Protein backbone atom coordinates (compact mmCIF):
# COMPACT_ATOMS: atom_id res chain seq x y z
CA MET A 1 16.03 21.72 0.49
CA ILE A 2 17.92 19.46 -1.37
CA ILE A 3 15.30 16.43 -2.84
CA GLY A 4 16.42 12.78 -3.94
CA VAL A 5 14.58 10.41 -5.74
CA PRO A 6 16.05 6.93 -6.12
CA LYS A 7 15.43 4.12 -8.43
CA GLU A 8 13.05 1.52 -6.44
CA ILE A 9 14.90 -1.81 -6.20
CA LYS A 10 12.50 -3.72 -4.73
CA ASN A 11 11.36 -6.70 -7.05
CA ASN A 12 9.74 -5.77 -9.63
CA GLU A 13 9.10 -2.28 -8.58
CA ASN A 14 8.36 -0.04 -11.34
CA ARG A 15 6.95 3.00 -10.08
CA ILE A 16 8.89 6.21 -9.19
CA ALA A 17 7.89 8.71 -6.10
CA LEU A 18 7.76 11.91 -8.36
CA THR A 19 6.71 12.52 -11.86
CA PRO A 20 8.23 15.13 -13.87
CA ALA A 21 5.36 17.37 -12.82
CA GLY A 22 5.93 17.19 -9.30
CA ALA A 23 9.79 17.84 -9.97
CA ALA A 24 8.80 21.08 -11.49
CA GLU A 25 6.45 22.23 -8.76
CA LEU A 26 9.64 21.43 -6.48
CA VAL A 27 11.93 23.23 -8.74
CA LYS A 28 10.02 26.42 -9.35
CA ARG A 29 9.68 26.68 -5.15
CA GLY A 30 13.61 27.07 -5.04
CA HIS A 31 14.30 23.47 -4.16
CA GLU A 32 16.92 21.08 -6.01
CA VAL A 33 15.46 17.78 -7.13
CA TYR A 34 18.18 15.05 -7.76
CA VAL A 35 16.47 11.82 -9.28
CA GLN A 36 18.55 8.68 -10.26
CA LYS A 37 19.53 8.02 -13.90
CA ASN A 38 16.45 6.03 -15.53
CA GLY A 39 14.55 5.70 -12.30
CA GLY A 40 11.48 7.03 -13.94
CA ASN A 41 11.64 4.54 -17.02
CA GLY A 42 9.36 1.71 -15.60
CA SER A 43 6.72 4.41 -15.77
CA GLY A 44 7.29 5.93 -18.67
CA PHE A 45 9.33 8.86 -17.48
CA HIS A 46 12.39 9.13 -19.07
CA ASN A 47 15.63 11.44 -18.05
CA GLU A 48 15.48 14.01 -20.23
CA ASP A 49 11.81 14.48 -18.73
CA TYR A 50 13.11 15.19 -15.64
CA VAL A 51 15.94 17.56 -17.00
CA ALA A 52 13.38 19.50 -18.79
CA ALA A 53 11.39 19.76 -15.54
CA GLY A 54 14.89 21.37 -14.19
CA ALA A 55 15.59 18.34 -12.02
CA LYS A 56 19.55 16.78 -12.59
CA ILE A 57 19.88 13.34 -12.90
CA LEU A 58 22.95 11.39 -10.90
CA PRO A 59 24.35 8.19 -11.77
CA THR A 60 23.79 6.19 -8.77
CA ILE A 61 21.48 5.25 -5.94
CA GLU A 62 24.89 5.96 -3.81
CA ASP A 63 25.11 9.51 -5.22
CA VAL A 64 21.28 10.34 -4.71
CA TYR A 65 21.47 8.82 -1.05
CA ALA A 66 24.89 10.97 -0.30
CA ILE A 67 23.38 14.43 -1.49
CA ALA A 68 20.17 14.58 -0.26
CA GLU A 69 18.41 15.92 2.81
CA MET A 70 15.03 14.38 2.18
CA ILE A 71 14.69 11.34 0.19
CA ILE A 72 11.32 11.05 -1.78
CA LYS A 73 10.89 6.98 -2.47
CA VAL A 74 7.80 4.67 -3.01
CA LYS A 75 8.53 1.73 -0.98
CA GLU A 76 10.23 0.92 2.25
CA PRO A 77 14.13 0.89 2.18
CA ILE A 78 15.47 -2.46 2.09
CA GLU A 79 18.40 -4.22 3.08
CA PRO A 80 21.10 -2.87 0.23
CA GLU A 81 19.91 0.65 1.28
CA TYR A 82 19.98 0.94 5.13
CA LYS A 83 23.77 1.53 5.05
CA LEU A 84 23.27 4.40 2.79
CA ILE A 85 21.08 6.45 4.62
CA LYS A 86 22.36 9.31 7.19
CA GLU A 87 21.54 10.64 10.67
CA GLY A 88 18.74 13.10 10.56
CA GLN A 89 17.56 12.37 6.72
CA ILE A 90 14.40 12.68 6.05
CA LEU A 91 12.88 9.60 4.53
CA TYR A 92 9.37 10.29 2.95
CA THR A 93 7.75 6.92 2.01
CA TYR A 94 5.25 3.78 2.40
CA PHE A 95 7.06 2.53 5.52
CA HIS A 96 4.62 -0.58 6.88
CA PHE A 97 7.13 -0.86 9.66
CA ALA A 98 4.49 -2.98 11.75
CA SER A 99 5.01 -5.95 9.66
CA GLY A 100 8.85 -5.40 8.94
CA GLU A 101 10.80 -5.90 12.47
CA ALA A 102 14.04 -5.49 10.61
CA LEU A 103 13.41 -2.43 8.92
CA THR A 104 11.78 -0.79 12.21
CA HIS A 105 15.36 -1.73 14.09
CA ALA A 106 17.57 -0.33 11.12
CA MET A 107 15.57 3.06 10.67
CA ILE A 108 16.06 3.12 14.99
CA GLU A 109 19.83 2.43 14.28
CA ASN A 110 20.77 5.24 11.69
CA LYS A 111 18.52 7.74 13.52
CA SER A 112 16.72 9.17 10.21
CA VAL A 113 13.37 11.03 10.21
CA CYS A 114 10.68 8.62 9.13
CA LEU A 115 7.58 9.90 7.64
CA ALA A 116 5.17 7.49 6.40
CA TYR A 117 2.59 7.56 4.07
CA GLU A 118 0.23 5.27 5.47
CA THR A 119 0.04 7.04 8.64
CA VAL A 120 -0.70 10.60 7.62
CA GLU A 121 -4.09 11.10 8.93
CA LEU A 122 -6.90 13.47 8.51
CA ALA A 123 -9.32 14.99 11.07
CA ASP A 124 -12.35 12.49 9.66
CA ARG A 125 -9.71 9.36 10.16
CA SER A 126 -8.87 8.94 6.20
CA LEU A 127 -5.49 8.51 4.90
CA PRO A 128 -5.09 10.63 2.04
CA LEU A 129 -1.40 9.22 1.10
CA LEU A 130 -2.78 5.46 1.24
CA ILE A 131 -6.17 6.13 -0.83
CA PRO A 132 -4.57 6.51 -4.31
CA MET A 133 -2.27 3.13 -4.36
CA SER A 134 -5.53 1.36 -2.15
CA GLU A 135 -7.57 2.41 -5.11
CA VAL A 136 -5.30 0.86 -7.42
CA ALA A 137 -4.85 -1.86 -5.26
CA GLY A 138 -8.74 -2.45 -4.78
CA ARG A 139 -9.22 -2.60 -8.68
CA MET A 140 -6.39 -5.07 -9.10
CA SER A 141 -7.40 -7.44 -6.88
CA ILE A 142 -10.39 -8.23 -9.01
CA GLN A 143 -8.32 -8.34 -12.18
CA GLU A 144 -5.78 -10.61 -10.64
CA GLY A 145 -8.14 -12.59 -8.74
CA ALA A 146 -10.27 -13.43 -12.06
CA LYS A 147 -6.92 -14.39 -13.93
CA TYR A 148 -6.12 -17.03 -11.21
CA LEU A 149 -9.63 -18.53 -11.15
CA GLU A 150 -8.95 -19.29 -14.72
CA LYS A 151 -7.82 -23.21 -14.96
CA THR A 152 -4.76 -22.61 -15.95
CA TYR A 153 -3.24 -21.00 -13.29
CA GLY A 154 -5.30 -23.87 -11.11
CA GLY A 155 -8.52 -21.78 -10.00
CA TYR A 156 -11.94 -23.12 -10.12
CA GLY A 157 -12.28 -22.38 -13.76
CA VAL A 158 -15.17 -19.85 -13.60
CA LEU A 159 -15.96 -16.55 -14.89
CA LEU A 160 -16.04 -13.79 -12.59
CA GLY A 161 -19.19 -12.59 -14.75
CA GLY A 162 -20.76 -15.83 -15.81
CA VAL A 163 -22.70 -15.83 -18.95
CA PRO A 164 -26.26 -15.98 -19.90
CA GLY A 165 -27.82 -19.57 -18.44
CA VAL A 166 -24.87 -20.02 -16.16
CA PRO A 167 -24.63 -17.92 -12.70
CA PRO A 168 -21.54 -15.41 -11.89
CA ALA A 169 -18.76 -16.15 -9.71
CA LYS A 170 -19.24 -15.18 -6.09
CA VAL A 171 -16.67 -12.76 -4.48
CA LEU A 172 -16.37 -12.03 -0.85
CA VAL A 173 -14.78 -8.82 -0.05
CA LEU A 174 -13.53 -8.44 3.74
CA GLY A 175 -13.29 -4.68 4.95
CA GLY A 176 -15.62 -1.86 3.42
CA GLY A 177 -12.61 0.68 3.29
CA ILE A 178 -11.35 2.08 0.14
CA VAL A 179 -9.74 -1.43 -1.14
CA GLY A 180 -12.70 -3.16 0.04
CA THR A 181 -15.20 -0.75 -1.65
CA GLU A 182 -13.09 -0.45 -5.17
CA ALA A 183 -13.02 -4.00 -5.19
CA ALA A 184 -16.42 -4.09 -5.03
CA LYS A 185 -17.26 -1.89 -7.36
CA MET A 186 -15.09 -3.40 -10.15
CA ALA A 187 -16.30 -6.83 -9.35
CA ALA A 188 -19.89 -5.69 -9.47
CA GLY A 189 -19.17 -3.88 -12.85
CA LEU A 190 -17.75 -7.21 -14.15
CA GLY A 191 -21.25 -8.77 -13.13
CA ALA A 192 -20.02 -11.09 -10.36
CA ASP A 193 -21.99 -11.80 -6.96
CA VAL A 194 -20.46 -9.93 -4.44
CA THR A 195 -20.62 -9.43 -0.74
CA ILE A 196 -18.60 -7.23 1.38
CA MET A 197 -18.55 -7.54 4.93
CA ASP A 198 -17.23 -4.71 7.45
CA ILE A 199 -17.67 -4.12 11.38
CA SER A 200 -18.79 -0.95 10.77
CA LEU A 201 -22.89 -0.80 10.69
CA PRO A 202 -22.82 2.95 9.60
CA ARG A 203 -20.08 1.74 6.92
CA LEU A 204 -22.30 -1.09 6.00
CA ARG A 205 -25.77 1.31 5.47
CA TYR A 206 -23.66 3.96 3.34
CA LEU A 207 -22.14 0.80 0.86
CA ASP A 208 -25.73 -0.78 0.69
CA ASP A 209 -26.76 2.84 -0.57
CA ILE A 210 -24.39 3.51 -3.44
CA MET A 211 -23.72 -0.27 -4.76
CA PRO A 212 -25.64 -1.98 -7.46
CA ALA A 213 -28.04 -4.38 -7.14
CA ASN A 214 -25.57 -7.26 -6.99
CA VAL A 215 -23.57 -6.16 -4.08
CA LYS A 216 -24.99 -7.07 -0.84
CA THR A 217 -23.51 -6.30 2.89
CA MET A 218 -23.23 -8.28 5.73
CA MET A 219 -21.80 -7.73 9.34
CA SER A 220 -18.04 -9.27 9.89
CA ASN A 221 -18.01 -11.67 12.11
CA ASP A 222 -15.74 -15.07 12.39
CA TYR A 223 -19.13 -17.03 12.24
CA ASN A 224 -20.24 -15.64 9.27
CA ILE A 225 -16.97 -15.51 7.58
CA ARG A 226 -16.64 -19.24 8.33
CA GLU A 227 -19.99 -19.51 6.64
CA MET A 228 -19.42 -17.42 3.68
CA VAL A 229 -15.75 -18.88 2.73
CA GLN A 230 -17.37 -22.50 1.85
CA THR A 231 -19.06 -21.09 -1.16
CA HIS A 232 -17.42 -18.10 -2.43
CA ASP A 233 -15.14 -18.45 -5.38
CA LEU A 234 -12.70 -15.55 -5.01
CA ILE A 235 -12.13 -13.85 -1.53
CA ILE A 236 -10.29 -10.68 -1.12
CA GLY A 237 -8.53 -9.17 2.08
CA ALA A 238 -9.19 -5.59 2.40
CA VAL A 239 -8.75 -4.71 5.99
CA LEU A 240 -6.48 -2.21 7.66
CA ILE A 241 -5.88 -0.49 11.08
CA PRO A 242 -3.39 2.31 10.30
CA GLY A 243 -0.16 1.54 11.45
CA ALA A 244 -0.63 -1.62 12.84
CA LYS A 245 -0.82 -5.41 12.10
CA ALA A 246 -3.89 -6.42 10.12
CA PRO A 247 -5.81 -8.96 11.90
CA HIS A 248 -6.07 -12.49 11.04
CA LEU A 249 -9.68 -12.64 9.77
CA VAL A 250 -9.49 -15.98 7.95
CA THR A 251 -7.57 -18.92 10.03
CA ARG A 252 -5.87 -21.68 8.81
CA ASP A 253 -8.27 -24.00 9.68
CA MET A 254 -10.77 -22.50 7.15
CA LEU A 255 -8.95 -23.24 3.88
CA LYS A 256 -10.02 -26.78 4.33
CA THR A 257 -13.68 -25.82 3.95
CA MET A 258 -12.96 -24.20 0.61
CA ARG A 259 -13.58 -25.48 -2.67
CA PRO A 260 -10.42 -26.69 -4.61
CA GLY A 261 -9.32 -23.75 -6.73
CA THR A 262 -10.79 -21.08 -4.85
CA VAL A 263 -8.85 -18.02 -5.16
CA MET A 264 -7.74 -15.45 -2.09
CA VAL A 265 -6.19 -12.12 -2.31
CA ASP A 266 -4.71 -10.46 0.39
CA VAL A 267 -4.24 -6.76 -0.30
CA ALA A 268 -3.13 -6.33 3.40
CA VAL A 269 -0.08 -8.44 3.20
CA ASP A 270 1.66 -4.91 3.40
CA GLN A 271 0.43 -5.14 7.16
CA GLY A 272 1.14 -8.46 7.78
CA GLY A 273 -1.77 -9.59 5.59
CA CYS A 274 -5.55 -10.46 7.23
CA PHE A 275 -5.43 -14.31 6.49
CA GLU A 276 -3.35 -16.64 8.78
CA THR A 277 -1.60 -17.95 5.62
CA THR A 278 -0.19 -15.11 4.19
CA LYS A 279 3.42 -15.01 3.33
CA ALA A 280 4.37 -11.99 0.87
CA THR A 281 5.11 -12.79 -2.62
CA THR A 282 6.28 -10.88 -5.45
CA HIS A 283 5.28 -10.25 -9.08
CA THR A 284 7.31 -12.48 -10.47
CA ASP A 285 6.31 -15.55 -7.98
CA PRO A 286 2.87 -14.24 -6.99
CA THR A 287 1.02 -17.44 -5.41
CA PHE A 288 1.36 -20.46 -2.99
CA VAL A 289 -1.23 -23.18 -2.92
CA ILE A 290 -2.30 -24.41 0.24
CA ASP A 291 -5.11 -26.94 0.78
CA ASP A 292 -6.00 -26.73 -3.14
CA VAL A 293 -6.42 -22.88 -2.38
CA ILE A 294 -4.53 -20.49 -4.18
CA GLN A 295 -2.97 -17.44 -2.75
CA TYR A 296 -2.31 -14.04 -4.08
CA CYS A 297 0.23 -11.68 -1.77
CA VAL A 298 1.80 -9.40 -3.79
CA ALA A 299 3.36 -6.57 -1.46
CA ASN A 300 3.55 -4.08 -4.34
CA MET A 301 0.42 -4.47 -6.09
CA PRO A 302 0.34 -1.21 -7.60
CA GLY A 303 3.89 -1.60 -8.93
CA ALA A 304 2.40 -3.49 -12.14
CA VAL A 305 0.48 -0.71 -13.06
CA PRO A 306 3.40 1.82 -12.80
CA ARG A 307 2.43 4.66 -14.98
CA THR A 308 -1.04 5.19 -13.44
CA SER A 309 0.35 4.36 -9.76
CA THR A 310 3.23 7.26 -9.75
CA ILE A 311 1.01 9.88 -11.20
CA ALA A 312 -1.65 9.08 -8.71
CA LEU A 313 0.68 8.77 -5.77
CA THR A 314 2.63 11.93 -6.65
CA ASN A 315 -0.65 14.16 -7.14
CA ALA A 316 -1.37 13.02 -3.46
CA THR A 317 2.04 13.32 -2.01
CA LEU A 318 3.54 16.32 -3.57
CA PRO A 319 1.41 18.91 -1.00
CA TYR A 320 2.90 17.56 2.10
CA ALA A 321 6.39 17.07 0.32
CA ILE A 322 6.20 20.90 -0.57
CA GLN A 323 5.26 21.98 3.15
CA ILE A 324 8.26 19.57 4.21
CA ALA A 325 10.58 21.34 2.07
CA GLU A 326 9.42 24.74 2.47
CA LYS A 327 9.32 24.72 6.40
CA GLY A 328 11.72 21.83 7.35
CA TRP A 329 10.25 18.61 8.81
CA LYS A 330 9.91 19.99 12.29
CA GLN A 331 7.79 23.05 11.64
CA ALA A 332 5.74 21.53 8.76
CA CYS A 333 4.70 18.56 11.47
CA VAL A 334 4.14 21.09 13.98
CA ASP A 335 2.10 23.21 11.65
CA SER A 336 0.21 20.08 9.95
CA GLU A 337 -1.51 17.31 12.45
CA PRO A 338 -1.85 14.96 9.56
CA LEU A 339 1.61 15.62 8.71
CA ARG A 340 2.73 14.83 12.41
CA LYS A 341 0.84 11.53 12.78
CA GLY A 342 3.22 10.38 9.33
CA LEU A 343 6.22 10.17 11.83
CA ASN A 344 6.94 7.14 12.62
CA VAL A 345 10.36 6.66 13.64
CA VAL A 346 12.65 9.81 14.60
CA GLY A 347 16.11 10.17 15.65
CA GLY A 348 16.52 6.58 16.90
CA LYS A 349 13.10 6.71 18.91
CA VAL A 350 9.67 5.04 17.94
CA VAL A 351 6.92 7.82 18.09
CA TYR A 352 3.88 5.71 16.37
CA LYS A 353 2.27 3.64 18.97
CA GLY A 354 1.24 0.89 16.44
CA VAL A 355 5.05 0.40 15.61
CA ALA A 356 6.17 0.50 19.58
CA ASP A 357 3.00 -1.92 20.02
CA ALA A 358 4.13 -4.23 16.97
CA PHE A 359 7.54 -5.27 18.51
CA GLY A 360 7.12 -4.38 22.25
CA LEU A 361 9.33 -1.32 21.52
CA PRO A 362 9.45 2.02 23.84
CA LEU A 363 7.02 4.65 22.72
CA GLU A 364 8.45 8.20 22.81
CA LYS A 365 5.48 11.22 22.51
CA VAL A 366 5.98 12.85 19.16
CA GLU A 367 5.51 16.04 21.06
CA SER A 368 8.83 15.91 22.75
CA ILE A 369 10.70 15.56 19.42
CA LEU A 370 9.19 18.30 18.18
């Protein structure tokens, strides 16, 4: 198969979808890999590294899309890329369709095959291609939240871990999945007073068992959230419903009850956000303020640490990319239920329920296109 790896063009997105090591694995299996010139520079991988791995370098993004049967990316295509995508071309990337109506309609129109990393799902309901970036984003949420709590950035002016004689900052984590767990561990490691909330009692029992003493667990519901946001310095939104829009757990009216200088970090922004006031921001302009509350809603947080993120992403996505390249997308999806669940839009038809529900579109059974 001919595989193309374009340079990411989203704001401050320095990741690339494939490391030279990943390219070498595909090449040794007889596939052709084309990488856009300088596409890996932001992650510390250079043209000569890809050439040494057996890949070929193409000068422009147009060249990569024109030659490739399968495009491997990090982030969803944005408007300048829509016209480059060909009918039947496989796009293997993060899409987060449920929060992007224009993107959804563009992919329907071009009749491509859209395999979304974030909905590839194992039998235990875990999301193997989302986990590595969730781990990065969860840890980064505390790093960024701690920074914006500094008075210099308009925050409340508290140190996450406190010092002897001064209590630590209070961190509230909404959601006990991968993002929430990593955020809680990171905040706890810095000495913060952490509360993690989830709607699953078995999950809370598990977290209660594994977390250090400075992490408490609490059932997530509207009443408890309203109480907790009034006293916490940093609030992390870490809720995910695979392939669907995130629920709004922190509503607009709750902001008025928070202390001025409270910081909110919405890691669910790719799925529409779990704060009602969320709007996607960028690494260039990462925050906005409502009712003296700072909101950080960067939609590609792991893009700020591209070296770590690129390696972690390739580790997860490469085995599935090899299956697609070896068998073709149809047979790979027939043989692999997890990969089949990654199909979202195929040949102009929506085949993933969360996407159809988000925009009131007709849902085609995935079996009918296989």
